[in-house]
Protein backbone atom coordinates (compact mmCIF):
# COMPACT_ATOMS: atom_id res chain seq x y z
CA UNK A 1 0.00 0.00 0.00
CA UNK A 2 1.55 3.29 -1.10
CA UNK A 3 1.05 6.55 0.82
CA UNK A 4 0.34 7.58 4.36
CA UNK A 5 -2.79 6.45 6.20
CA UNK A 6 -5.86 8.59 5.64
CA UNK A 7 -8.43 9.76 8.20
CA UNK A 8 -11.22 9.48 5.59
CA UNK A 9 -13.40 6.38 5.81
CA UNK A 10 -14.46 6.36 2.13
CA UNK A 11 -12.43 4.46 -0.45
CA UNK A 12 -12.27 5.23 -4.14
CA UNK A 13 -12.53 2.09 -6.25
CA UNK A 14 -11.17 2.70 -9.76
CA UNK A 15 -11.86 0.31 -12.59
CA UNK A 16 -12.45 0.30 -16.34
CA UNK A 17 -10.11 0.47 -19.29
CA UNK A 18 -9.05 3.52 -21.24
CA UNK A 19 -5.88 2.16 -22.78
CA UNK A 20 -2.32 2.39 -21.53
CA UNK A 21 -1.40 4.59 -18.57
CA UNK A 22 -4.49 3.67 -16.55
CA UNK A 23 -2.38 2.51 -13.63
CA UNK A 24 -0.42 5.75 -13.84
CA UNK A 25 -3.67 7.72 -13.67
CA UNK A 26 -4.83 5.74 -10.62
CA UNK A 27 -1.52 6.45 -8.86
CA UNK A 28 -1.75 10.14 -9.73
CA UNK A 29 -5.30 10.31 -8.33
CA UNK A 30 -3.95 8.80 -5.08
CA UNK A 31 -1.16 11.39 -5.01
CA UNK A 32 -3.64 14.19 -5.78
CA UNK A 33 -5.93 13.14 -2.93
CA UNK A 34 -2.98 12.23 -0.67
CA UNK A 35 -4.43 8.80 -0.07
CA UNK A 36 -2.74 5.39 -0.05
CA UNK A 37 -2.87 3.44 -3.31
CA UNK A 38 -3.59 -0.29 -3.57
CA UNK A 39 -3.30 -2.17 -6.86
CA UNK A 40 -5.36 -5.37 -6.69
CA UNK A 41 -3.33 -7.16 -9.39
CA UNK A 42 -0.05 -6.45 -7.62
CA UNK A 43 -1.46 -7.53 -4.26
CA UNK A 44 -2.82 -10.72 -5.83
CA UNK A 45 0.54 -11.55 -7.37
CA UNK A 46 2.32 -10.95 -4.06
CA UNK A 47 -0.18 -13.08 -2.14
CA UNK A 48 0.00 -15.96 -4.63
CA UNK A 49 3.76 -15.52 -5.10
CA UNK A 50 3.22 -15.81 -8.85
CA UNK A 51 1.34 -14.01 -11.64
CA UNK A 52 -2.43 -14.76 -11.82
CA UNK A 53 -2.10 -16.52 -15.19
CA UNK A 54 0.54 -18.84 -13.76
CA UNK A 55 -1.62 -19.52 -10.68
CA UNK A 56 -4.56 -20.38 -12.98
CA UNK A 57 -2.39 -22.65 -15.15
CA UNK A 58 -0.88 -24.52 -12.19
CA UNK A 59 -3.84 -24.77 -9.81
CA UNK A 60 -6.94 -23.94 -11.84
CA UNK A 61 -9.55 -21.20 -11.97
CA UNK A 62 -11.08 -22.23 -8.62
CA UNK A 63 -7.82 -21.59 -6.75
CA UNK A 64 -7.38 -18.23 -8.47
CA UNK A 65 -10.92 -17.18 -7.51
CA UNK A 66 -10.29 -18.33 -3.91
CA UNK A 67 -7.19 -16.17 -3.63
CA UNK A 68 -9.04 -13.25 -5.26
CA UNK A 69 -11.89 -13.69 -2.75
CA UNK A 70 -9.47 -13.66 0.20
CA UNK A 71 -7.92 -10.47 -1.11
CA UNK A 72 -11.34 -8.84 -1.63
CA UNK A 73 -12.16 -9.79 1.99
CA UNK A 74 -9.04 -7.94 3.09
CA UNK A 75 -9.67 -4.92 0.85
CA UNK A 76 -13.25 -4.60 2.08
CA UNK A 77 -11.72 -3.70 5.46
CA UNK A 78 -9.58 -0.86 4.05
CA UNK A 79 -10.69 2.74 4.55
CA UNK A 80 -9.46 5.92 2.98
CA UNK A 81 -7.55 4.29 0.10
CA UNK A 82 -7.58 4.29 -3.69
CA UNK A 83 -8.23 0.72 -4.87
CA UNK A 84 -7.45 -0.14 -8.48
CA UNK A 85 -9.42 -3.30 -9.32
CA UNK A 86 -10.21 -4.81 -12.71
CA UNK A 87 -13.81 -4.81 -13.88
CA UNK A 88 -13.56 -8.56 -14.41
CA UNK A 89 -12.68 -9.08 -10.73
CA UNK A 90 -15.50 -6.79 -9.61
CA UNK A 91 -18.01 -8.82 -11.64
CA UNK A 92 -17.16 -12.09 -9.88
CA UNK A 93 -19.55 -13.08 -7.08
CA UNK A 94 -20.43 -10.23 -4.74
CA UNK A 95 -17.10 -8.39 -5.11
CA UNK A 96 -18.70 -5.29 -6.61
CA UNK A 97 -21.29 -4.95 -3.84
CA UNK A 98 -18.71 -5.56 -1.12
CA UNK A 99 -16.29 -2.93 -2.39
CA UNK A 100 -19.07 -0.50 -3.35
CA UNK A 101 -20.05 -0.51 0.34
CA UNK A 102 -16.63 1.00 1.14
CA UNK A 103 -16.87 3.95 -1.26
CA UNK A 104 -17.72 5.10 -4.77
CA UNK A 105 -16.82 2.85 -7.72
CA UNK A 106 -15.67 4.89 -10.70
CA UNK A 107 -15.30 3.19 -14.06
CA UNK A 108 -12.98 5.05 -16.41
CA UNK A 109 -14.32 4.90 -19.96
CA UNK A 110 -13.51 6.40 -23.33
CA UNK A 111 -14.97 6.21 -26.79
CA UNK A 112 -13.75 3.27 -28.83
CA UNK A 113 -11.99 5.72 -31.18
CA UNK A 114 -10.09 7.26 -28.26
CA UNK A 115 -9.08 3.84 -26.89
CA UNK A 116 -7.91 2.68 -30.33
CA UNK A 117 -5.92 5.88 -30.82
CA UNK A 118 -4.24 5.44 -27.41
CA UNK A 119 -3.49 1.81 -28.18
CA UNK A 120 -2.02 2.76 -31.56
CA UNK A 121 0.26 5.34 -29.93
CA UNK A 122 1.45 2.96 -27.23
CA UNK A 123 1.73 -0.23 -29.31
CA UNK A 124 3.35 1.25 -32.39
CA UNK A 125 3.78 -1.35 -35.13
CA UNK A 126 2.28 -4.09 -32.92
CA UNK A 127 -1.08 -2.31 -33.28
CA UNK A 128 -1.25 -3.50 -36.90
CA UNK A 129 -0.99 -7.13 -35.79
CA UNK A 130 -4.62 -8.35 -35.61
CA UNK A 131 -3.85 -10.72 -32.70
CA UNK A 132 -2.26 -7.98 -30.60
CA UNK A 133 -5.17 -5.63 -31.31
CA UNK A 134 -7.72 -8.39 -30.55
CA UNK A 135 -6.04 -9.05 -27.19
CA UNK A 136 -6.29 -5.37 -26.31
CA UNK A 137 -9.95 -5.19 -27.39
CA UNK A 138 -10.73 -8.37 -25.42
CA UNK A 139 -9.31 -6.66 -22.34
CA UNK A 140 -11.52 -3.66 -23.07
CA UNK A 141 -14.66 -5.83 -23.26
CA UNK A 142 -13.85 -7.64 -20.00
CA UNK A 143 -13.03 -4.44 -18.14
CA UNK A 144 -16.13 -2.62 -19.32
CA UNK A 145 -18.44 -5.46 -18.22
CA UNK A 146 -18.97 -3.51 -15.00
CA UNK A 147 -20.52 -0.58 -16.89
CA UNK A 148 -24.20 0.01 -16.29
CA UNK A 149 -24.32 -1.79 -12.96
CA UNK A 150 -26.08 -0.02 -10.11
CA UNK A 151 -23.78 2.23 -8.15
CA UNK A 152 -21.00 2.28 -10.76
CA UNK A 153 -20.20 5.80 -11.90
CA UNK A 154 -18.71 6.30 -15.35
CA UNK A 155 -16.11 8.95 -16.04
CA UNK A 156 -15.47 9.62 -19.73
CA UNK A 157 -11.80 10.32 -20.46
CA UNK A 158 -12.11 10.42 -24.26
CA UNK A 159 -10.97 13.96 -24.86
CA UNK A 160 -9.21 14.69 -21.58
CA UNK A 161 -5.54 14.99 -20.83
CA UNK A 162 -4.13 12.78 -18.11
CA UNK A 163 -4.03 15.79 -15.75
CA UNK A 164 -7.68 16.66 -16.47
CA UNK A 165 -8.65 13.01 -15.91
CA UNK A 166 -6.92 13.00 -12.52
CA UNK A 167 -8.65 16.23 -11.47
CA UNK A 168 -12.03 15.04 -12.75
CA UNK A 169 -11.83 11.70 -10.93
CA UNK A 170 -10.72 13.40 -7.71
CA UNK A 171 -13.61 15.89 -7.95
CA UNK A 172 -16.14 13.15 -8.67
CA UNK A 173 -14.92 11.12 -5.68
CA UNK A 174 -15.17 14.16 -3.37
CA UNK A 175 -18.70 14.84 -4.62
CA UNK A 176 -19.90 11.23 -4.39
CA UNK A 177 -18.30 10.43 -1.05
CA UNK A 178 -20.09 13.38 0.56
CA UNK A 179 -16.93 15.03 1.83
CA UNK A 180 -17.64 18.68 2.47
CA UNK A 181 -14.19 19.88 3.40
CA UNK A 182 -11.12 18.03 2.12
CA UNK A 183 -7.69 18.93 3.45
CA UNK A 184 -5.88 16.14 1.64
CA UNK A 185 -6.17 17.66 -1.80
C-alpha atoms as a PDB file:
ATOM      1  CA  UNK A   1       0.000   0.000   0.000  1.00  0.00           C
ATOM      2  CA  UNK A   2       1.546   3.294  -1.100  1.00  0.00           C
ATOM      3  CA  UNK A   3       1.053   6.546   0.818  1.00  0.00           C
ATOM      4  CA  UNK A   4       0.335   7.584   4.357  1.00  0.00           C
ATOM      5  CA  UNK A   5      -2.791   6.447   6.199  1.00  0.00           C
ATOM      6  CA  UNK A   6      -5.859   8.590   5.641  1.00  0.00           C
ATOM      7  CA  UNK A   7      -8.425   9.763   8.197  1.00  0.00           C
ATOM      8  CA  UNK A   8     -11.217   9.481   5.587  1.00  0.00           C
ATOM      9  CA  UNK A   9     -13.398   6.378   5.810  1.00  0.00           C
ATOM     10  CA  UNK A  10     -14.460   6.357   2.133  1.00  0.00           C
ATOM     11  CA  UNK A  11     -12.434   4.461  -0.447  1.00  0.00           C
ATOM     12  CA  UNK A  12     -12.274   5.231  -4.135  1.00  0.00           C
ATOM     13  CA  UNK A  13     -12.527   2.092  -6.254  1.00  0.00           C
ATOM     14  CA  UNK A  14     -11.174   2.704  -9.760  1.00  0.00           C
ATOM     15  CA  UNK A  15     -11.862   0.306 -12.587  1.00  0.00           C
ATOM     16  CA  UNK A  16     -12.455   0.295 -16.343  1.00  0.00           C
ATOM     17  CA  UNK A  17     -10.110   0.474 -19.286  1.00  0.00           C
ATOM     18  CA  UNK A  18      -9.053   3.522 -21.240  1.00  0.00           C
ATOM     19  CA  UNK A  19      -5.881   2.159 -22.777  1.00  0.00           C
ATOM     20  CA  UNK A  20      -2.318   2.385 -21.530  1.00  0.00           C
ATOM     21  CA  UNK A  21      -1.395   4.592 -18.566  1.00  0.00           C
ATOM     22  CA  UNK A  22      -4.485   3.673 -16.553  1.00  0.00           C
ATOM     23  CA  UNK A  23      -2.376   2.510 -13.631  1.00  0.00           C
ATOM     24  CA  UNK A  24      -0.418   5.748 -13.837  1.00  0.00           C
ATOM     25  CA  UNK A  25      -3.671   7.722 -13.673  1.00  0.00           C
ATOM     26  CA  UNK A  26      -4.825   5.743 -10.623  1.00  0.00           C
ATOM     27  CA  UNK A  27      -1.522   6.452  -8.863  1.00  0.00           C
ATOM     28  CA  UNK A  28      -1.746  10.140  -9.733  1.00  0.00           C
ATOM     29  CA  UNK A  29      -5.297  10.306  -8.326  1.00  0.00           C
ATOM     30  CA  UNK A  30      -3.952   8.804  -5.081  1.00  0.00           C
ATOM     31  CA  UNK A  31      -1.164  11.393  -5.014  1.00  0.00           C
ATOM     32  CA  UNK A  32      -3.641  14.190  -5.777  1.00  0.00           C
ATOM     33  CA  UNK A  33      -5.933  13.137  -2.934  1.00  0.00           C
ATOM     34  CA  UNK A  34      -2.977  12.234  -0.673  1.00  0.00           C
ATOM     35  CA  UNK A  35      -4.431   8.797  -0.073  1.00  0.00           C
ATOM     36  CA  UNK A  36      -2.744   5.387  -0.050  1.00  0.00           C
ATOM     37  CA  UNK A  37      -2.865   3.445  -3.314  1.00  0.00           C
ATOM     38  CA  UNK A  38      -3.587  -0.294  -3.567  1.00  0.00           C
ATOM     39  CA  UNK A  39      -3.296  -2.173  -6.862  1.00  0.00           C
ATOM     40  CA  UNK A  40      -5.360  -5.372  -6.692  1.00  0.00           C
ATOM     41  CA  UNK A  41      -3.326  -7.163  -9.386  1.00  0.00           C
ATOM     42  CA  UNK A  42      -0.045  -6.447  -7.621  1.00  0.00           C
ATOM     43  CA  UNK A  43      -1.456  -7.528  -4.259  1.00  0.00           C
ATOM     44  CA  UNK A  44      -2.823 -10.718  -5.835  1.00  0.00           C
ATOM     45  CA  UNK A  45       0.538 -11.549  -7.366  1.00  0.00           C
ATOM     46  CA  UNK A  46       2.318 -10.950  -4.059  1.00  0.00           C
ATOM     47  CA  UNK A  47      -0.179 -13.077  -2.137  1.00  0.00           C
ATOM     48  CA  UNK A  48       0.001 -15.958  -4.631  1.00  0.00           C
ATOM     49  CA  UNK A  49       3.761 -15.524  -5.102  1.00  0.00           C
ATOM     50  CA  UNK A  50       3.217 -15.814  -8.848  1.00  0.00           C
ATOM     51  CA  UNK A  51       1.336 -14.014 -11.635  1.00  0.00           C
ATOM     52  CA  UNK A  52      -2.427 -14.756 -11.820  1.00  0.00           C
ATOM     53  CA  UNK A  53      -2.100 -16.516 -15.192  1.00  0.00           C
ATOM     54  CA  UNK A  54       0.536 -18.845 -13.764  1.00  0.00           C
ATOM     55  CA  UNK A  55      -1.625 -19.520 -10.681  1.00  0.00           C
ATOM     56  CA  UNK A  56      -4.563 -20.384 -12.982  1.00  0.00           C
ATOM     57  CA  UNK A  57      -2.389 -22.648 -15.149  1.00  0.00           C
ATOM     58  CA  UNK A  58      -0.878 -24.524 -12.190  1.00  0.00           C
ATOM     59  CA  UNK A  59      -3.838 -24.768  -9.808  1.00  0.00           C
ATOM     60  CA  UNK A  60      -6.943 -23.940 -11.842  1.00  0.00           C
ATOM     61  CA  UNK A  61      -9.547 -21.199 -11.971  1.00  0.00           C
ATOM     62  CA  UNK A  62     -11.082 -22.230  -8.624  1.00  0.00           C
ATOM     63  CA  UNK A  63      -7.823 -21.589  -6.752  1.00  0.00           C
ATOM     64  CA  UNK A  64      -7.377 -18.229  -8.468  1.00  0.00           C
ATOM     65  CA  UNK A  65     -10.920 -17.179  -7.507  1.00  0.00           C
ATOM     66  CA  UNK A  66     -10.293 -18.333  -3.910  1.00  0.00           C
ATOM     67  CA  UNK A  67      -7.185 -16.168  -3.628  1.00  0.00           C
ATOM     68  CA  UNK A  68      -9.040 -13.253  -5.260  1.00  0.00           C
ATOM     69  CA  UNK A  69     -11.888 -13.693  -2.747  1.00  0.00           C
ATOM     70  CA  UNK A  70      -9.474 -13.665   0.197  1.00  0.00           C
ATOM     71  CA  UNK A  71      -7.924 -10.472  -1.112  1.00  0.00           C
ATOM     72  CA  UNK A  72     -11.338  -8.842  -1.630  1.00  0.00           C
ATOM     73  CA  UNK A  73     -12.160  -9.794   1.995  1.00  0.00           C
ATOM     74  CA  UNK A  74      -9.044  -7.939   3.092  1.00  0.00           C
ATOM     75  CA  UNK A  75      -9.670  -4.919   0.849  1.00  0.00           C
ATOM     76  CA  UNK A  76     -13.253  -4.602   2.085  1.00  0.00           C
ATOM     77  CA  UNK A  77     -11.717  -3.697   5.456  1.00  0.00           C
ATOM     78  CA  UNK A  78      -9.585  -0.864   4.047  1.00  0.00           C
ATOM     79  CA  UNK A  79     -10.687   2.737   4.547  1.00  0.00           C
ATOM     80  CA  UNK A  80      -9.456   5.924   2.977  1.00  0.00           C
ATOM     81  CA  UNK A  81      -7.554   4.292   0.096  1.00  0.00           C
ATOM     82  CA  UNK A  82      -7.583   4.289  -3.688  1.00  0.00           C
ATOM     83  CA  UNK A  83      -8.233   0.723  -4.868  1.00  0.00           C
ATOM     84  CA  UNK A  84      -7.451  -0.136  -8.476  1.00  0.00           C
ATOM     85  CA  UNK A  85      -9.417  -3.303  -9.322  1.00  0.00           C
ATOM     86  CA  UNK A  86     -10.214  -4.815 -12.706  1.00  0.00           C
ATOM     87  CA  UNK A  87     -13.808  -4.813 -13.876  1.00  0.00           C
ATOM     88  CA  UNK A  88     -13.561  -8.557 -14.412  1.00  0.00           C
ATOM     89  CA  UNK A  89     -12.680  -9.079 -10.732  1.00  0.00           C
ATOM     90  CA  UNK A  90     -15.501  -6.790  -9.609  1.00  0.00           C
ATOM     91  CA  UNK A  91     -18.012  -8.816 -11.641  1.00  0.00           C
ATOM     92  CA  UNK A  92     -17.155 -12.088  -9.881  1.00  0.00           C
ATOM     93  CA  UNK A  93     -19.554 -13.082  -7.076  1.00  0.00           C
ATOM     94  CA  UNK A  94     -20.426 -10.230  -4.742  1.00  0.00           C
ATOM     95  CA  UNK A  95     -17.095  -8.395  -5.113  1.00  0.00           C
ATOM     96  CA  UNK A  96     -18.700  -5.285  -6.607  1.00  0.00           C
ATOM     97  CA  UNK A  97     -21.292  -4.946  -3.836  1.00  0.00           C
ATOM     98  CA  UNK A  98     -18.715  -5.557  -1.117  1.00  0.00           C
ATOM     99  CA  UNK A  99     -16.294  -2.933  -2.393  1.00  0.00           C
ATOM    100  CA  UNK A 100     -19.071  -0.500  -3.354  1.00  0.00           C
ATOM    101  CA  UNK A 101     -20.047  -0.513   0.342  1.00  0.00           C
ATOM    102  CA  UNK A 102     -16.629   0.998   1.139  1.00  0.00           C
ATOM    103  CA  UNK A 103     -16.870   3.947  -1.258  1.00  0.00           C
ATOM    104  CA  UNK A 104     -17.718   5.103  -4.772  1.00  0.00           C
ATOM    105  CA  UNK A 105     -16.822   2.853  -7.716  1.00  0.00           C
ATOM    106  CA  UNK A 106     -15.673   4.894 -10.699  1.00  0.00           C
ATOM    107  CA  UNK A 107     -15.302   3.193 -14.060  1.00  0.00           C
ATOM    108  CA  UNK A 108     -12.981   5.050 -16.412  1.00  0.00           C
ATOM    109  CA  UNK A 109     -14.324   4.900 -19.956  1.00  0.00           C
ATOM    110  CA  UNK A 110     -13.514   6.404 -23.328  1.00  0.00           C
ATOM    111  CA  UNK A 111     -14.967   6.212 -26.787  1.00  0.00           C
ATOM    112  CA  UNK A 112     -13.754   3.273 -28.834  1.00  0.00           C
ATOM    113  CA  UNK A 113     -11.987   5.716 -31.178  1.00  0.00           C
ATOM    114  CA  UNK A 114     -10.088   7.262 -28.261  1.00  0.00           C
ATOM    115  CA  UNK A 115      -9.079   3.844 -26.892  1.00  0.00           C
ATOM    116  CA  UNK A 116      -7.912   2.679 -30.329  1.00  0.00           C
ATOM    117  CA  UNK A 117      -5.917   5.875 -30.819  1.00  0.00           C
ATOM    118  CA  UNK A 118      -4.244   5.442 -27.408  1.00  0.00           C
ATOM    119  CA  UNK A 119      -3.489   1.810 -28.183  1.00  0.00           C
ATOM    120  CA  UNK A 120      -2.021   2.762 -31.562  1.00  0.00           C
ATOM    121  CA  UNK A 121       0.257   5.335 -29.934  1.00  0.00           C
ATOM    122  CA  UNK A 122       1.449   2.962 -27.228  1.00  0.00           C
ATOM    123  CA  UNK A 123       1.729  -0.227 -29.305  1.00  0.00           C
ATOM    124  CA  UNK A 124       3.350   1.253 -32.386  1.00  0.00           C
ATOM    125  CA  UNK A 125       3.783  -1.347 -35.133  1.00  0.00           C
ATOM    126  CA  UNK A 126       2.284  -4.091 -32.924  1.00  0.00           C
ATOM    127  CA  UNK A 127      -1.078  -2.311 -33.284  1.00  0.00           C
ATOM    128  CA  UNK A 128      -1.247  -3.497 -36.895  1.00  0.00           C
ATOM    129  CA  UNK A 129      -0.987  -7.129 -35.786  1.00  0.00           C
ATOM    130  CA  UNK A 130      -4.615  -8.352 -35.610  1.00  0.00           C
ATOM    131  CA  UNK A 131      -3.848 -10.718 -32.701  1.00  0.00           C
ATOM    132  CA  UNK A 132      -2.260  -7.977 -30.596  1.00  0.00           C
ATOM    133  CA  UNK A 133      -5.170  -5.632 -31.306  1.00  0.00           C
ATOM    134  CA  UNK A 134      -7.719  -8.388 -30.554  1.00  0.00           C
ATOM    135  CA  UNK A 135      -6.042  -9.049 -27.191  1.00  0.00           C
ATOM    136  CA  UNK A 136      -6.294  -5.367 -26.309  1.00  0.00           C
ATOM    137  CA  UNK A 137      -9.955  -5.192 -27.391  1.00  0.00           C
ATOM    138  CA  UNK A 138     -10.728  -8.369 -25.417  1.00  0.00           C
ATOM    139  CA  UNK A 139      -9.313  -6.657 -22.345  1.00  0.00           C
ATOM    140  CA  UNK A 140     -11.522  -3.663 -23.066  1.00  0.00           C
ATOM    141  CA  UNK A 141     -14.661  -5.835 -23.260  1.00  0.00           C
ATOM    142  CA  UNK A 142     -13.850  -7.637 -19.995  1.00  0.00           C
ATOM    143  CA  UNK A 143     -13.028  -4.441 -18.141  1.00  0.00           C
ATOM    144  CA  UNK A 144     -16.126  -2.623 -19.318  1.00  0.00           C
ATOM    145  CA  UNK A 145     -18.440  -5.456 -18.221  1.00  0.00           C
ATOM    146  CA  UNK A 146     -18.968  -3.511 -14.996  1.00  0.00           C
ATOM    147  CA  UNK A 147     -20.520  -0.576 -16.892  1.00  0.00           C
ATOM    148  CA  UNK A 148     -24.198   0.013 -16.294  1.00  0.00           C
ATOM    149  CA  UNK A 149     -24.321  -1.789 -12.963  1.00  0.00           C
ATOM    150  CA  UNK A 150     -26.080  -0.024 -10.114  1.00  0.00           C
ATOM    151  CA  UNK A 151     -23.777   2.235  -8.152  1.00  0.00           C
ATOM    152  CA  UNK A 152     -21.000   2.285 -10.764  1.00  0.00           C
ATOM    153  CA  UNK A 153     -20.195   5.803 -11.900  1.00  0.00           C
ATOM    154  CA  UNK A 154     -18.714   6.305 -15.352  1.00  0.00           C
ATOM    155  CA  UNK A 155     -16.110   8.950 -16.039  1.00  0.00           C
ATOM    156  CA  UNK A 156     -15.469   9.616 -19.733  1.00  0.00           C
ATOM    157  CA  UNK A 157     -11.803  10.316 -20.461  1.00  0.00           C
ATOM    158  CA  UNK A 158     -12.107  10.416 -24.261  1.00  0.00           C
ATOM    159  CA  UNK A 159     -10.968  13.964 -24.865  1.00  0.00           C
ATOM    160  CA  UNK A 160      -9.207  14.685 -21.580  1.00  0.00           C
ATOM    161  CA  UNK A 161      -5.540  14.987 -20.832  1.00  0.00           C
ATOM    162  CA  UNK A 162      -4.127  12.780 -18.108  1.00  0.00           C
ATOM    163  CA  UNK A 163      -4.028  15.787 -15.746  1.00  0.00           C
ATOM    164  CA  UNK A 164      -7.675  16.655 -16.474  1.00  0.00           C
ATOM    165  CA  UNK A 165      -8.651  13.013 -15.909  1.00  0.00           C
ATOM    166  CA  UNK A 166      -6.916  13.001 -12.524  1.00  0.00           C
ATOM    167  CA  UNK A 167      -8.651  16.233 -11.474  1.00  0.00           C
ATOM    168  CA  UNK A 168     -12.030  15.041 -12.746  1.00  0.00           C
ATOM    169  CA  UNK A 169     -11.834  11.703 -10.930  1.00  0.00           C
ATOM    170  CA  UNK A 170     -10.717  13.405  -7.709  1.00  0.00           C
ATOM    171  CA  UNK A 171     -13.608  15.890  -7.946  1.00  0.00           C
ATOM    172  CA  UNK A 172     -16.141  13.154  -8.672  1.00  0.00           C
ATOM    173  CA  UNK A 173     -14.916  11.118  -5.676  1.00  0.00           C
ATOM    174  CA  UNK A 174     -15.171  14.155  -3.371  1.00  0.00           C
ATOM    175  CA  UNK A 175     -18.702  14.845  -4.617  1.00  0.00           C
ATOM    176  CA  UNK A 176     -19.905  11.233  -4.395  1.00  0.00           C
ATOM    177  CA  UNK A 177     -18.305  10.432  -1.053  1.00  0.00           C
ATOM    178  CA  UNK A 178     -20.089  13.378   0.559  1.00  0.00           C
ATOM    179  CA  UNK A 179     -16.929  15.026   1.831  1.00  0.00           C
ATOM    180  CA  UNK A 180     -17.638  18.681   2.467  1.00  0.00           C
ATOM    181  CA  UNK A 181     -14.185  19.880   3.398  1.00  0.00           C
ATOM    182  CA  UNK A 182     -11.120  18.030   2.122  1.00  0.00           C
ATOM    183  CA  UNK A 183      -7.688  18.933   3.448  1.00  0.00           C
ATOM    184  CA  UNK A 184      -5.879  16.137   1.640  1.00  0.00           C
ATOM    185  CA  UNK A 185      -6.168  17.660  -1.802  1.00  0.00           C
END
